[in-house]
Amino acid sequence: VQLQASGGGLVQAGGSLRLSCAASRMIFSTYSASDVGWYRQAPGKQRELVSTINRRGSTDYVDSVKGRFTISRDNARKTMYLQMNSLKPEDTVVYFCNVNGPFAGVDFWGQGTKVTVSS
């Protein structure tokens, strides 16, 4: 299984970016039964949860992004998204996608995509 994250880049404060993460070599039924999410990690700090969406479509967000970020998923495409609006300089970190499946051993991470927000 591979998770390919994309969509990061450089944006001015107040701008928007949309991250995508596509899963390959994972069967549809496993992906659709998995919880998926986005995490981020700053240099020298622990990886933190940004947002998750479970297999039923319920979402959760860290307080700092509520009202600004929206997570979604397209099971048919085996892809998750993170729409990030009103970006702030403190959102500047590397973002990682995760698929946490219904079976032991189904816990995969993407390679990370860097977001840089200039002030």
N, C-alpha and C. Protein backbone atom coordinates (compact mmCIF):
# COMPACT_ATOMS: atom_id res chain seq x y z
N VAL A 1 0.84 -1.19 0.00
CA VAL A 1 0.00 0.00 0.00
C VAL A 1 0.88 1.24 0.00
N GLN A 2 0.50 2.20 -0.82
CA GLN A 2 1.19 3.49 -0.82
C GLN A 2 0.17 4.60 -0.69
N LEU A 3 0.52 5.61 0.10
CA LEU A 3 -0.29 6.80 0.19
C LEU A 3 0.51 7.94 -0.42
N GLN A 4 -0.04 8.55 -1.44
CA GLN A 4 0.63 9.63 -2.14
C GLN A 4 -0.05 10.95 -1.80
N ALA A 5 0.63 11.77 -1.01
CA ALA A 5 0.09 13.06 -0.62
C ALA A 5 0.57 14.14 -1.59
N SER A 6 -0.30 15.09 -1.84
CA SER A 6 0.05 16.20 -2.74
C SER A 6 -0.76 17.43 -2.36
N GLY A 7 -0.39 18.56 -2.95
CA GLY A 7 -1.15 19.78 -2.75
C GLY A 7 -0.49 20.81 -1.88
N GLY A 8 0.60 20.45 -1.23
CA GLY A 8 1.30 21.42 -0.41
C GLY A 8 1.97 22.48 -1.27
N GLY A 9 2.45 23.52 -0.61
CA GLY A 9 3.13 24.58 -1.35
C GLY A 9 3.23 25.83 -0.53
N LEU A 10 3.52 26.92 -1.21
CA LEU A 10 3.70 28.22 -0.58
C LEU A 10 2.47 29.09 -0.85
N VAL A 11 1.95 29.68 0.21
CA VAL A 11 0.77 30.53 0.07
C VAL A 11 0.88 31.67 1.07
N GLN A 12 0.26 32.78 0.74
CA GLN A 12 0.25 33.90 1.67
C GLN A 12 -0.78 33.68 2.76
N ALA A 13 -0.55 34.31 3.89
CA ALA A 13 -1.51 34.23 4.98
C ALA A 13 -2.89 34.67 4.49
N GLY A 14 -3.89 33.90 4.91
CA GLY A 14 -5.25 34.16 4.46
C GLY A 14 -5.64 33.37 3.22
N GLY A 15 -4.66 32.75 2.60
CA GLY A 15 -4.91 31.98 1.40
C GLY A 15 -5.40 30.58 1.69
N SER A 16 -5.53 29.80 0.62
CA SER A 16 -6.08 28.45 0.72
C SER A 16 -5.20 27.44 -0.02
N LEU A 17 -5.24 26.23 0.46
CA LEU A 17 -4.63 25.10 -0.22
C LEU A 17 -5.54 23.89 -0.02
N ARG A 18 -5.45 22.96 -0.95
CA ARG A 18 -6.19 21.71 -0.82
C ARG A 18 -5.22 20.55 -0.93
N LEU A 19 -5.10 19.80 0.15
CA LEU A 19 -4.25 18.63 0.16
C LEU A 19 -5.05 17.41 -0.29
N SER A 20 -4.38 16.52 -0.99
CA SER A 20 -4.99 15.26 -1.40
C SER A 20 -4.08 14.12 -1.00
N CYS A 21 -4.66 12.97 -0.77
CA CYS A 21 -3.87 11.78 -0.45
C CYS A 21 -4.58 10.58 -1.05
N ALA A 22 -3.93 9.97 -2.02
CA ALA A 22 -4.51 8.84 -2.73
C ALA A 22 -3.84 7.54 -2.30
N ALA A 23 -4.64 6.55 -2.04
CA ALA A 23 -4.13 5.23 -1.66
C ALA A 23 -4.07 4.33 -2.88
N SER A 24 -2.94 3.69 -3.04
CA SER A 24 -2.81 2.73 -4.12
C SER A 24 -2.54 1.34 -3.55
N ARG A 25 -2.91 0.35 -4.30
CA ARG A 25 -2.73 -1.05 -3.91
C ARG A 25 -3.45 -1.36 -2.60
N MET A 26 -4.60 -0.73 -2.43
CA MET A 26 -5.48 -1.04 -1.30
C MET A 26 -6.85 -1.28 -1.89
N ILE A 27 -7.48 -2.38 -1.51
CA ILE A 27 -8.78 -2.68 -2.09
C ILE A 27 -9.83 -1.74 -1.53
N PHE A 28 -10.84 -1.51 -2.32
CA PHE A 28 -11.89 -0.54 -1.99
C PHE A 28 -12.53 -0.83 -0.64
N SER A 29 -12.84 -2.08 -0.37
CA SER A 29 -13.56 -2.41 0.86
C SER A 29 -12.72 -2.10 2.09
N THR A 30 -11.41 -2.31 2.00
CA THR A 30 -10.55 -1.99 3.14
C THR A 30 -10.48 -0.48 3.34
N TYR A 31 -10.31 0.26 2.26
CA TYR A 31 -10.23 1.71 2.39
C TYR A 31 -11.53 2.28 2.95
N SER A 32 -12.65 1.85 2.43
CA SER A 32 -13.92 2.42 2.87
C SER A 32 -14.24 2.06 4.32
N ALA A 33 -13.64 0.99 4.82
CA ALA A 33 -13.86 0.60 6.21
C ALA A 33 -12.83 1.21 7.16
N SER A 34 -11.94 2.01 6.62
CA SER A 34 -10.86 2.59 7.42
C SER A 34 -11.20 3.99 7.89
N ASP A 35 -10.60 4.36 9.00
CA ASP A 35 -10.59 5.76 9.42
C ASP A 35 -9.39 6.42 8.75
N VAL A 36 -9.56 7.62 8.26
CA VAL A 36 -8.45 8.30 7.58
C VAL A 36 -8.28 9.68 8.20
N GLY A 37 -7.10 10.23 8.06
CA GLY A 37 -6.89 11.53 8.67
C GLY A 37 -5.61 12.20 8.24
N TRP A 38 -5.48 13.42 8.69
CA TRP A 38 -4.30 14.26 8.44
C TRP A 38 -3.65 14.62 9.77
N TYR A 39 -2.33 14.55 9.75
CA TYR A 39 -1.53 14.92 10.90
C TYR A 39 -0.49 15.92 10.41
N ARG A 40 0.14 16.61 11.35
CA ARG A 40 1.21 17.51 10.96
C ARG A 40 2.32 17.47 12.00
N GLN A 41 3.50 17.80 11.52
CA GLN A 41 4.66 17.72 12.41
C GLN A 41 5.63 18.83 12.09
N ALA A 42 5.92 19.60 13.12
CA ALA A 42 6.93 20.65 13.00
C ALA A 42 8.28 20.08 13.40
N PRO A 43 9.37 20.65 12.92
CA PRO A 43 10.70 20.15 13.28
C PRO A 43 10.90 20.11 14.78
N GLY A 44 11.35 18.97 15.27
CA GLY A 44 11.64 18.83 16.68
C GLY A 44 10.43 18.63 17.57
N LYS A 45 9.26 18.52 16.94
CA LYS A 45 8.04 18.32 17.73
C LYS A 45 7.36 17.02 17.34
N GLN A 46 6.45 16.59 18.22
CA GLN A 46 5.70 15.38 17.94
C GLN A 46 4.66 15.61 16.86
N ARG A 47 4.34 14.55 16.15
CA ARG A 47 3.29 14.62 15.15
C ARG A 47 1.96 14.82 15.87
N GLU A 48 1.15 15.74 15.37
CA GLU A 48 -0.13 16.01 16.01
C GLU A 48 -1.26 15.79 15.03
N LEU A 49 -2.39 15.40 15.59
CA LEU A 49 -3.59 15.20 14.80
C LEU A 49 -4.12 16.55 14.32
N VAL A 50 -4.48 16.63 13.06
CA VAL A 50 -5.14 17.81 12.51
C VAL A 50 -6.63 17.53 12.36
N SER A 51 -6.93 16.44 11.68
CA SER A 51 -8.34 16.13 11.41
C SER A 51 -8.47 14.67 11.01
N THR A 52 -9.58 14.08 11.38
CA THR A 52 -9.89 12.72 10.96
C THR A 52 -11.32 12.64 10.44
N ILE A 53 -11.54 11.63 9.62
CA ILE A 53 -12.90 11.30 9.18
C ILE A 53 -13.02 9.79 9.21
N ASN A 54 -14.00 9.30 9.96
CA ASN A 54 -14.08 7.86 10.11
C ASN A 54 -14.88 7.23 8.97
N ARG A 55 -15.05 5.93 9.07
CA ARG A 55 -15.68 5.21 7.95
C ARG A 55 -17.14 5.61 7.78
N ARG A 56 -17.72 6.17 8.84
CA ARG A 56 -19.13 6.59 8.74
C ARG A 56 -19.25 8.04 8.27
N GLY A 57 -18.10 8.72 8.13
CA GLY A 57 -18.14 10.11 7.69
C GLY A 57 -18.12 11.14 8.80
N SER A 58 -17.98 10.68 10.03
CA SER A 58 -17.89 11.62 11.14
C SER A 58 -16.50 12.23 11.18
N THR A 59 -16.47 13.52 11.44
CA THR A 59 -15.20 14.25 11.39
C THR A 59 -14.80 14.78 12.76
N ASP A 60 -13.51 15.03 12.89
CA ASP A 60 -12.97 15.61 14.11
C ASP A 60 -11.82 16.53 13.71
N TYR A 61 -11.66 17.61 14.45
CA TYR A 61 -10.62 18.59 14.15
C TYR A 61 -9.93 19.04 15.43
N VAL A 62 -8.65 19.35 15.32
CA VAL A 62 -7.97 20.00 16.41
C VAL A 62 -8.52 21.42 16.51
N ASP A 63 -8.58 21.95 17.72
CA ASP A 63 -9.23 23.25 17.93
C ASP A 63 -8.65 24.35 17.04
N SER A 64 -7.35 24.31 16.81
CA SER A 64 -6.69 25.40 16.09
C SER A 64 -7.10 25.50 14.62
N VAL A 65 -7.73 24.47 14.08
CA VAL A 65 -8.13 24.52 12.66
C VAL A 65 -9.64 24.50 12.46
N LYS A 66 -10.38 24.39 13.54
CA LYS A 66 -11.84 24.35 13.42
C LYS A 66 -12.36 25.63 12.76
N GLY A 67 -13.25 25.44 11.81
CA GLY A 67 -13.80 26.57 11.07
C GLY A 67 -12.95 27.01 9.89
N ARG A 68 -11.74 26.49 9.79
CA ARG A 68 -10.85 26.86 8.68
C ARG A 68 -10.56 25.68 7.76
N PHE A 69 -10.42 24.50 8.32
CA PHE A 69 -10.08 23.31 7.55
C PHE A 69 -11.29 22.41 7.43
N THR A 70 -11.39 21.70 6.31
CA THR A 70 -12.46 20.73 6.09
C THR A 70 -11.87 19.46 5.51
N ILE A 71 -12.13 18.35 6.19
CA ILE A 71 -11.66 17.06 5.71
C ILE A 71 -12.79 16.36 4.96
N SER A 72 -12.43 15.63 3.93
CA SER A 72 -13.42 14.85 3.19
C SER A 72 -12.74 13.62 2.61
N ARG A 73 -13.56 12.70 2.12
CA ARG A 73 -13.01 11.49 1.53
C ARG A 73 -13.88 11.06 0.36
N ASP A 74 -13.24 10.42 -0.60
CA ASP A 74 -13.93 9.84 -1.74
C ASP A 74 -13.50 8.38 -1.77
N ASN A 75 -14.34 7.53 -1.25
CA ASN A 75 -13.96 6.12 -1.14
C ASN A 75 -13.78 5.48 -2.52
N ALA A 76 -14.58 5.88 -3.48
CA ALA A 76 -14.46 5.29 -4.81
C ALA A 76 -13.09 5.58 -5.42
N ARG A 77 -12.55 6.73 -5.11
CA ARG A 77 -11.21 7.10 -5.59
C ARG A 77 -10.12 6.73 -4.58
N LYS A 78 -10.53 6.24 -3.41
CA LYS A 78 -9.58 5.91 -2.34
C LYS A 78 -8.68 7.11 -2.06
N THR A 79 -9.32 8.25 -1.90
CA THR A 79 -8.60 9.51 -1.74
C THR A 79 -9.24 10.32 -0.61
N MET A 80 -8.41 10.96 0.18
CA MET A 80 -8.87 11.89 1.20
C MET A 80 -8.38 13.28 0.85
N TYR A 81 -9.08 14.28 1.38
CA TYR A 81 -8.73 15.67 1.08
C TYR A 81 -8.72 16.49 2.36
N LEU A 82 -7.96 17.56 2.33
CA LEU A 82 -8.00 18.54 3.41
C LEU A 82 -8.03 19.93 2.77
N GLN A 83 -9.19 20.55 2.81
CA GLN A 83 -9.31 21.91 2.31
C GLN A 83 -8.92 22.85 3.43
N MET A 84 -7.90 23.66 3.18
CA MET A 84 -7.38 24.54 4.21
C MET A 84 -7.60 25.99 3.77
N ASN A 85 -8.43 26.69 4.50
CA ASN A 85 -8.72 28.10 4.21
C ASN A 85 -8.19 28.98 5.33
N SER A 86 -8.11 30.26 5.05
CA SER A 86 -7.65 31.24 6.06
C SER A 86 -6.36 30.77 6.71
N LEU A 87 -5.42 30.38 5.90
CA LEU A 87 -4.17 29.83 6.42
C LEU A 87 -3.38 30.88 7.19
N LYS A 88 -2.70 30.41 8.22
CA LYS A 88 -1.90 31.26 9.09
C LYS A 88 -0.45 30.81 9.04
N PRO A 89 0.48 31.70 9.34
CA PRO A 89 1.89 31.28 9.37
C PRO A 89 2.14 30.08 10.27
N GLU A 90 1.40 29.97 11.35
CA GLU A 90 1.60 28.83 12.26
C GLU A 90 1.12 27.51 11.68
N ASP A 91 0.47 27.54 10.53
CA ASP A 91 0.10 26.30 9.84
C ASP A 91 1.26 25.75 9.01
N THR A 92 2.38 26.46 9.03
CA THR A 92 3.55 26.06 8.26
C THR A 92 4.22 24.85 8.90
N VAL A 93 3.98 23.68 8.34
CA VAL A 93 4.58 22.43 8.80
C VAL A 93 4.44 21.42 7.67
N VAL A 94 4.92 20.22 7.91
CA VAL A 94 4.71 19.11 6.98
C VAL A 94 3.46 18.35 7.40
N TYR A 95 2.59 18.09 6.43
CA TYR A 95 1.34 17.39 6.68
C TYR A 95 1.45 15.95 6.18
N PHE A 96 0.96 15.04 7.00
CA PHE A 96 1.00 13.61 6.67
C PHE A 96 -0.42 13.05 6.66
N CYS A 97 -0.70 12.17 5.72
CA CYS A 97 -1.98 11.49 5.71
C CYS A 97 -1.83 10.08 6.29
N ASN A 98 -2.92 9.59 6.83
CA ASN A 98 -2.91 8.29 7.49
C ASN A 98 -4.18 7.53 7.18
N VAL A 99 -4.02 6.25 6.95
CA VAL A 99 -5.15 5.33 6.82
C VAL A 99 -5.03 4.30 7.92
N ASN A 100 -6.02 4.24 8.77
CA ASN A 100 -6.02 3.30 9.91
C ASN A 100 -7.21 2.37 9.72
N GLY A 101 -6.89 1.16 9.33
CA GLY A 101 -7.93 0.26 8.87
C GLY A 101 -8.55 -0.61 9.95
N PRO A 102 -9.50 -1.42 9.52
CA PRO A 102 -10.25 -2.25 10.46
C PRO A 102 -9.54 -3.53 10.88
N PHE A 103 -8.38 -3.77 10.32
CA PHE A 103 -7.65 -4.98 10.63
C PHE A 103 -6.28 -4.64 11.18
N ALA A 104 -5.73 -5.53 11.98
CA ALA A 104 -4.38 -5.34 12.49
C ALA A 104 -3.41 -5.23 11.32
N GLY A 105 -2.51 -4.28 11.43
CA GLY A 105 -1.52 -4.09 10.38
C GLY A 105 -1.93 -3.11 9.31
N VAL A 106 -3.15 -2.66 9.35
CA VAL A 106 -3.60 -1.66 8.38
C VAL A 106 -3.45 -0.29 9.02
N ASP A 107 -2.28 0.25 8.91
CA ASP A 107 -1.97 1.56 9.46
C ASP A 107 -0.85 2.12 8.60
N PHE A 108 -1.22 2.98 7.66
CA PHE A 108 -0.28 3.45 6.66
C PHE A 108 -0.17 4.97 6.69
N TRP A 109 1.02 5.43 6.34
CA TRP A 109 1.31 6.86 6.33
C TRP A 109 1.80 7.30 4.96
N GLY A 110 1.39 8.50 4.58
CA GLY A 110 1.94 9.10 3.38
C GLY A 110 3.30 9.70 3.65
N GLN A 111 3.91 10.20 2.59
CA GLN A 111 5.29 10.68 2.70
C GLN A 111 5.39 12.10 3.23
N GLY A 112 4.29 12.79 3.35
CA GLY A 112 4.31 14.16 3.84
C GLY A 112 4.33 15.16 2.71
N THR A 113 3.62 16.24 2.92
CA THR A 113 3.63 17.34 1.96
C THR A 113 3.76 18.64 2.75
N LYS A 114 4.68 19.48 2.32
CA LYS A 114 5.02 20.66 3.10
C LYS A 114 4.13 21.84 2.74
N VAL A 115 3.64 22.48 3.75
CA VAL A 115 2.84 23.70 3.59
C VAL A 115 3.61 24.86 4.21
N THR A 116 3.77 25.91 3.45
CA THR A 116 4.45 27.11 3.94
C THR A 116 3.53 28.31 3.76
N VAL A 117 3.24 28.98 4.87
CA VAL A 117 2.36 30.15 4.84
C VAL A 117 3.18 31.37 5.20
N SER A 118 3.28 32.29 4.28
CA SER A 118 4.07 33.50 4.51
C SER A 118 3.19 34.59 5.09
N SER A 119 3.80 35.39 5.94
CA SER A 119 3.03 36.47 6.60
C SER A 119 3.07 37.74 5.78
